[in-house]
PDB file of N, CA and C in Angstrom:
ATOM      1  N   MET A   1      10.159   1.518  27.426  1.00  0.00           N
ATOM      2  CA  MET A   1      10.099   2.733  28.201  1.00  0.00           C
ATOM      3  C   MET A   1       9.444   2.387  29.541  1.00  0.00           C
ATOM      4  N   PRO A   2      10.166   2.421  30.626  1.00  0.00           N
ATOM      5  CA  PRO A   2       9.626   2.043  31.928  1.00  0.00           C
ATOM      6  C   PRO A   2       8.431   2.893  32.338  1.00  0.00           C
ATOM      7  N   GLY A   3       7.399   2.230  32.832  1.00  0.00           N
ATOM      8  CA  GLY A   3       6.236   2.937  33.346  1.00  0.00           C
ATOM      9  C   GLY A   3       5.245   3.393  32.300  1.00  0.00           C
ATOM     10  N   VAL A   4       5.554   3.235  31.029  1.00  0.00           N
ATOM     11  CA  VAL A   4       4.655   3.657  29.960  1.00  0.00           C
ATOM     12  C   VAL A   4       3.975   2.416  29.395  1.00  0.00           C
ATOM     13  N   GLN A   5       2.647   2.358  29.537  1.00  0.00           N
ATOM     14  CA  GLN A   5       1.947   1.145  29.156  1.00  0.00           C
ATOM     15  C   GLN A   5       0.770   1.376  28.221  1.00  0.00           C
ATOM     16  N   THR A   6       0.348   2.608  28.031  1.00  0.00           N
ATOM     17  CA  THR A   6      -0.802   2.877  27.166  1.00  0.00           C
ATOM     18  C   THR A   6      -0.393   3.833  26.052  1.00  0.00           C
ATOM     19  N   LEU A   7      -1.201   3.872  25.000  1.00  0.00           N
ATOM     20  CA  LEU A   7      -0.911   4.791  23.896  1.00  0.00           C
ATOM     21  C   LEU A   7      -0.959   6.248  24.346  1.00  0.00           C
ATOM     22  N   ASP A   8      -1.864   6.579  25.246  1.00  0.00           N
ATOM     23  CA  ASP A   8      -1.908   7.955  25.755  1.00  0.00           C
ATOM     24  C   ASP A   8      -0.613   8.308  26.487  1.00  0.00           C
ATOM     25  N   GLU A   9      -0.073   7.358  27.243  1.00  0.00           N
ATOM     26  CA  GLU A   9       1.191   7.598  27.939  1.00  0.00           C
ATOM     27  C   GLU A   9       2.345   7.710  26.946  1.00  0.00           C
ATOM     28  N   VAL A  10       2.292   6.924  25.889  1.00  0.00           N
ATOM     29  CA  VAL A  10       3.326   7.013  24.848  1.00  0.00           C
ATOM     30  C   VAL A  10       3.283   8.389  24.203  1.00  0.00           C
ATOM     31  N   ARG A  11       2.093   8.833  23.816  1.00  0.00           N
ATOM     32  CA  ARG A  11       1.953  10.168  23.212  1.00  0.00           C
ATOM     33  C   ARG A  11       2.470  11.248  24.151  1.00  0.00           C
ATOM     34  N   ALA A  12       2.076  11.166  25.405  1.00  0.00           N
ATOM     35  CA  ALA A  12       2.471  12.180  26.386  1.00  0.00           C
ATOM     36  C   ALA A  12       3.975  12.189  26.641  1.00  0.00           C
ATOM     37  N   SER A  13       4.639  11.065  26.424  1.00  0.00           N
ATOM     38  CA  SER A  13       6.082  10.986  26.685  1.00  0.00           C
ATOM     39  C   SER A  13       6.894  11.851  25.730  1.00  0.00           C
ATOM     40  N   GLY A  14       6.364  12.095  24.523  1.00  0.00           N
ATOM     41  CA  GLY A  14       7.080  12.873  23.524  1.00  0.00           C
ATOM     42  C   GLY A  14       8.189  12.107  22.827  1.00  0.00           C
ATOM     43  N   ARG A  15       8.331  10.833  23.140  1.00  0.00           N
ATOM     44  CA  ARG A  15       9.414  10.037  22.565  1.00  0.00           C
ATOM     45  C   ARG A  15       9.079   9.526  21.166  1.00  0.00           C
ATOM     46  N   TYR A  16       7.806   9.327  20.904  1.00  0.00           N
ATOM     47  CA  TYR A  16       7.363   8.805  19.613  1.00  0.00           C
ATOM     48  C   TYR A  16       6.451   9.809  18.941  1.00  0.00           C
ATOM     49  N   ARG A  17       6.424   9.754  17.624  1.00  0.00           N
ATOM     50  CA  ARG A  17       5.539  10.627  16.846  1.00  0.00           C
ATOM     51  C   ARG A  17       4.510   9.771  16.143  1.00  0.00           C
ATOM     52  N   PHE A  18       3.326  10.296  16.015  1.00  0.00           N
ATOM     53  CA  PHE A  18       2.247   9.621  15.319  1.00  0.00           C
ATOM     54  C   PHE A  18       1.895  10.469  14.110  1.00  0.00           C
ATOM     55  N   LEU A  19       2.160   9.947  12.901  1.00  0.00           N
ATOM     56  CA  LEU A  19       1.955  10.697  11.671  1.00  0.00           C
ATOM     57  C   LEU A  19       1.025   9.937  10.740  1.00  0.00           C
ATOM     58  N   THR A  20       0.290  10.684   9.934  1.00  0.00           N
ATOM     59  CA  THR A  20      -0.480  10.061   8.866  1.00  0.00           C
ATOM     60  C   THR A  20       0.480   9.740   7.728  1.00  0.00           C
ATOM     61  N   PRO A  21       0.080   8.864   6.815  1.00  0.00           N
ATOM     62  CA  PRO A  21       0.951   8.612   5.659  1.00  0.00           C
ATOM     63  C   PRO A  21       1.313   9.895   4.917  1.00  0.00           C
ATOM     64  N   ASP A  22       0.353  10.773   4.698  1.00  0.00           N
ATOM     65  CA  ASP A  22       0.639  12.020   3.984  1.00  0.00           C
ATOM     66  C   ASP A  22       1.620  12.900   4.745  1.00  0.00           C
ATOM     67  N   GLN A  23       1.493  12.961   6.060  1.00  0.00           N
ATOM     68  CA  GLN A  23       2.435  13.755   6.855  1.00  0.00           C
ATOM     69  C   GLN A  23       3.858  13.218   6.719  1.00  0.00           C
ATOM     70  N   LEU A  24       4.006  11.904   6.795  1.00  0.00           N
ATOM     71  CA  LEU A  24       5.334  11.305   6.674  1.00  0.00           C
ATOM     72  C   LEU A  24       5.910  11.509   5.278  1.00  0.00           C
ATOM     73  N   ILE A  25       5.094  11.291   4.269  1.00  0.00           N
ATOM     74  CA  ILE A  25       5.544  11.499   2.881  1.00  0.00           C
ATOM     75  C   ILE A  25       6.016  12.933   2.691  1.00  0.00           C
ATOM     76  N   ASN A  26       5.256  13.889   3.165  1.00  0.00           N
ATOM     77  CA  ASN A  26       5.620  15.300   3.021  1.00  0.00           C
ATOM     78  C   ASN A  26       6.913  15.630   3.767  1.00  0.00           C
ATOM     79  N   GLU A  27       7.084  15.090   4.976  1.00  0.00           N
ATOM     80  CA  GLU A  27       8.322  15.341   5.725  1.00  0.00           C
ATOM     81  C   GLU A  27       9.538  14.789   4.996  1.00  0.00           C
ATOM     82  N   VAL A  28       9.421  13.570   4.504  1.00  0.00           N
ATOM     83  CA  VAL A  28      10.553  12.956   3.809  1.00  0.00           C
ATOM     84  C   VAL A  28      10.886  13.742   2.549  1.00  0.00           C
ATOM     85  N   ARG A  29       9.879  14.105   1.785  1.00  0.00           N
ATOM     86  CA  ARG A  29      10.113  14.861   0.547  1.00  0.00           C
ATOM     87  C   ARG A  29      10.701  16.237   0.812  1.00  0.00           C
ATOM     88  N   ALA A  30      10.369  16.832   1.941  1.00  0.00           N
ATOM     89  CA  ALA A  30      10.842  18.184   2.260  1.00  0.00           C
ATOM     90  C   ALA A  30      12.263  18.192   2.813  1.00  0.00           C
ATOM     91  N   SER A  31      12.786  17.027   3.147  1.00  0.00           N
ATOM     92  CA  SER A  31      14.100  16.949   3.763  1.00  0.00           C
ATOM     93  C   SER A  31      15.136  16.418   2.781  1.00  0.00           C
ATOM     94  N   ALA A  32      16.257  17.086   2.720  1.00  0.00           N
ATOM     95  CA  ALA A  32      17.332  16.626   1.843  1.00  0.00           C
ATOM     96  C   ALA A  32      18.020  15.377   2.405  1.00  0.00           C
ATOM     97  N   HIS A  33      17.988  15.212   3.716  1.00  0.00           N
ATOM     98  CA  HIS A  33      18.697  14.093   4.352  1.00  0.00           C
ATOM     99  C   HIS A  33      17.837  13.444   5.422  1.00  0.00           C
ATOM    100  N   TYR A  34      16.655  12.999   5.055  1.00  0.00           N
ATOM    101  CA  TYR A  34      15.774  12.342   6.024  1.00  0.00           C
ATOM    102  C   TYR A  34      16.393  11.012   6.420  1.00  0.00           C
ATOM    103  N   GLY A  35      16.466  10.746   7.699  1.00  0.00           N
ATOM    104  CA  GLY A  35      17.064   9.500   8.196  1.00  0.00           C
ATOM    105  C   GLY A  35      16.171   8.305   7.921  1.00  0.00           C
ATOM    106  N   PRO A  36      16.524   7.180   8.469  1.00  0.00           N
ATOM    107  CA  PRO A  36      15.709   5.985   8.253  1.00  0.00           C
ATOM    108  C   PRO A  36      14.327   6.155   8.876  1.00  0.00           C
ATOM    109  N   ILE A  37      13.357   5.524   8.275  1.00  0.00           N
ATOM    110  CA  ILE A  37      12.009   5.517   8.835  1.00  0.00           C
ATOM    111  C   ILE A  37      11.941   4.328   9.784  1.00  0.00           C
ATOM    112  N   VAL A  38      11.664   4.610  11.044  1.00  0.00           N
ATOM    113  CA  VAL A  38      11.599   3.570  12.064  1.00  0.00           C
ATOM    114  C   VAL A  38      10.159   3.462  12.536  1.00  0.00           C
ATOM    115  N   LEU A  39       9.659   2.256  12.525  1.00  0.00           N
ATOM    116  CA  LEU A  39       8.274   2.004  12.921  1.00  0.00           C
ATOM    117  C   LEU A  39       8.268   1.097  14.142  1.00  0.00           C
ATOM    118  N   HIS A  40       7.484   1.465  15.148  1.00  0.00           N
ATOM    119  CA  HIS A  40       7.316   0.648  16.355  1.00  0.00           C
ATOM    120  C   HIS A  40       5.826   0.328  16.480  1.00  0.00           C
ATOM    121  N   PRO A  41       5.319  -0.606  15.696  1.00  0.00           N
ATOM    122  CA  PRO A  41       3.874  -0.817  15.627  1.00  0.00           C
ATOM    123  C   PRO A  41       3.231  -1.354  16.896  1.00  0.00           C
ATOM    124  N   LEU A  42       3.969  -1.966  17.788  1.00  0.00           N
ATOM    125  CA  LEU A  42       3.371  -2.525  19.008  1.00  0.00           C
ATOM    126  C   LEU A  42       3.677  -1.703  20.257  1.00  0.00           C
ATOM    127  N   VAL A  43       4.194  -0.489  20.084  1.00  0.00           N
ATOM    128  CA  VAL A  43       4.551   0.352  21.225  1.00  0.00           C
ATOM    129  C   VAL A  43       3.319   0.647  22.081  1.00  0.00           C
ATOM    130  N   GLY A  44       3.519   0.692  23.369  1.00  0.00           N
ATOM    131  CA  GLY A  44       2.454   1.083  24.288  1.00  0.00           C
ATOM    132  C   GLY A  44       1.278   0.131  24.326  1.00  0.00           C
ATOM    133  N   GLY A  45       1.509  -1.109  23.938  1.00  0.00           N
ATOM    134  CA  GLY A  45       0.421  -2.078  23.964  1.00  0.00           C
ATOM    135  C   GLY A  45      -0.576  -1.909  22.838  1.00  0.00           C
ATOM    136  N   MET A  46      -0.118  -1.349  21.723  1.00  0.00           N
ATOM    137  CA  MET A  46      -0.993  -1.158  20.566  1.00  0.00           C
ATOM    138  C   MET A  46      -1.651  -2.495  20.205  1.00  0.00           C
ATOM    139  N   PRO A  47      -2.958  -2.511  20.002  1.00  0.00           N
ATOM    140  CA  PRO A  47      -3.616  -3.745  19.574  1.00  0.00           C
ATOM    141  C   PRO A  47      -3.017  -4.239  18.249  1.00  0.00           C
ATOM    142  N   VAL A  48      -2.899  -5.538  18.115  1.00  0.00           N
ATOM    143  CA  VAL A  48      -2.254  -6.135  16.946  1.00  0.00           C
ATOM    144  C   VAL A  48      -2.915  -5.674  15.648  1.00  0.00           C
ATOM    145  N   GLU A  49      -4.229  -5.564  15.622  1.00  0.00           N
ATOM    146  CA  GLU A  49      -4.924  -5.146  14.395  1.00  0.00           C
ATOM    147  C   GLU A  49      -4.489  -3.745  13.961  1.00  0.00           C
ATOM    148  N   LYS A  50      -4.355  -2.846  14.912  1.00  0.00           N
ATOM    149  CA  LYS A  50      -3.914  -1.482  14.588  1.00  0.00           C
ATOM    150  C   LYS A  50      -2.435  -1.459  14.225  1.00  0.00           C
ATOM    151  N   ALA A  51      -1.661  -2.315  14.872  1.00  0.00           N
ATOM    152  CA  ALA A  51      -0.237  -2.401  14.542  1.00  0.00           C
ATOM    153  C   ALA A  51      -0.063  -2.835  13.086  1.00  0.00           C
ATOM    154  N   TRP A  52      -0.812  -3.845  12.670  1.00  0.00           N
ATOM    155  CA  TRP A  52      -0.729  -4.297  11.283  1.00  0.00           C
ATOM    156  C   TRP A  52      -1.179  -3.213  10.323  1.00  0.00           C
ATOM    157  N   LYS A  53      -2.190  -2.432  10.725  1.00  0.00           N
ATOM    158  CA  LYS A  53      -2.624  -1.329   9.868  1.00  0.00           C
ATOM    159  C   LYS A  53      -1.480  -0.332   9.663  1.00  0.00           C
ATOM    160  N   SER A  54      -0.708  -0.052  10.715  1.00  0.00           N
ATOM    161  CA  SER A  54       0.439   0.851  10.594  1.00  0.00           C
ATOM    162  C   SER A  54       1.469   0.299   9.616  1.00  0.00           C
ATOM    163  N   VAL A  55       1.729  -0.994   9.719  1.00  0.00           N
ATOM    164  CA  VAL A  55       2.706  -1.628   8.828  1.00  0.00           C
ATOM    165  C   VAL A  55       2.222  -1.569   7.382  1.00  0.00           C
ATOM    166  N   THR A  56       0.953  -1.888   7.154  1.00  0.00           N
ATOM    167  CA  THR A  56       0.453  -1.890   5.778  1.00  0.00           C
ATOM    168  C   THR A  56       0.352  -0.474   5.210  1.00  0.00           C
ATOM    169  N   LEU A  57       0.056   0.516   6.041  1.00  0.00           N
ATOM    170  CA  LEU A  57       0.065   1.896   5.547  1.00  0.00           C
ATOM    171  C   LEU A  57       1.465   2.290   5.087  1.00  0.00           C
ATOM    172  N   LEU A  58       2.466   1.880   5.851  1.00  0.00           N
ATOM    173  CA  LEU A  58       3.846   2.172   5.461  1.00  0.00           C
ATOM    174  C   LEU A  58       4.207   1.471   4.149  1.00  0.00           C
ATOM    175  N   THR A  59       3.913   0.178   4.068  1.00  0.00           N
ATOM    176  CA  THR A  59       4.324  -0.586   2.881  1.00  0.00           C
ATOM    177  C   THR A  59       3.472  -0.313   1.658  1.00  0.00           C
ATOM    178  N   ASP A  60       2.195  -0.014   1.862  1.00  0.00           N
ATOM    179  CA  ASP A  60       1.285   0.144   0.718  1.00  0.00           C
ATOM    180  C   ASP A  60       1.119   1.594   0.252  1.00  0.00           C
ATOM    181  N   GLU A  61       1.345   2.566   1.150  1.00  0.00           N
ATOM    182  CA  GLU A  61       1.137   3.966   0.784  1.00  0.00           C
ATOM    183  C   GLU A  61       2.416   4.797   0.823  1.00  0.00           C
ATOM    184  N   VAL A  62       3.146   4.715   1.924  1.00  0.00           N
ATOM    185  CA  VAL A  62       4.302   5.595   2.095  1.00  0.00           C
ATOM    186  C   VAL A  62       5.464   5.193   1.194  1.00  0.00           C
ATOM    187  N   LEU A  63       5.901   3.966   1.312  1.00  0.00           N
ATOM    188  CA  LEU A  63       7.086   3.550   0.555  1.00  0.00           C
ATOM    189  C   LEU A  63       6.880   3.655  -0.965  1.00  0.00           C
ATOM    190  N   PRO A  64       5.732   3.239  -1.519  1.00  0.00           N
ATOM    191  CA  PRO A  64       5.549   3.428  -2.978  1.00  0.00           C
ATOM    192  C   PRO A  64       5.576   4.916  -3.381  1.00  0.00           C
ATOM    193  N   ALA A  65       5.036   5.786  -2.538  1.00  0.00           N
ATOM    194  CA  ALA A  65       5.021   7.217  -2.850  1.00  0.00           C
ATOM    195  C   ALA A  65       6.434   7.803  -2.856  1.00  0.00           C
ATOM    196  N   LEU A  66       7.320   7.201  -2.054  1.00  0.00           N
ATOM    197  CA  LEU A  66       8.682   7.711  -1.970  1.00  0.00           C
ATOM    198  C   LEU A  66       9.645   7.012  -2.906  1.00  0.00           C
ATOM    199  N   GLY A  67       9.192   5.880  -3.460  1.00  0.00           N
ATOM    200  CA  GLY A  67      10.053   5.075  -4.314  1.00  0.00           C
ATOM    201  C   GLY A  67      10.428   5.753  -5.585  1.00  0.00           C
TER     202      GLY A  67
END
């Protein structure tokens, strides 16, 4: 996304959503045809440690809950 370099700018753009694991689980369960879950862990210059936390939350909490 041209000109967007920080997480605050990413949030303000409205292009990406930031959800907790419970929020995502609830959305998927409430939808009959939820599309693919797409994760962009390094968007907006996200620090690598936080990016990995996003990935592990998805793999360790969200996907098992939906499996």
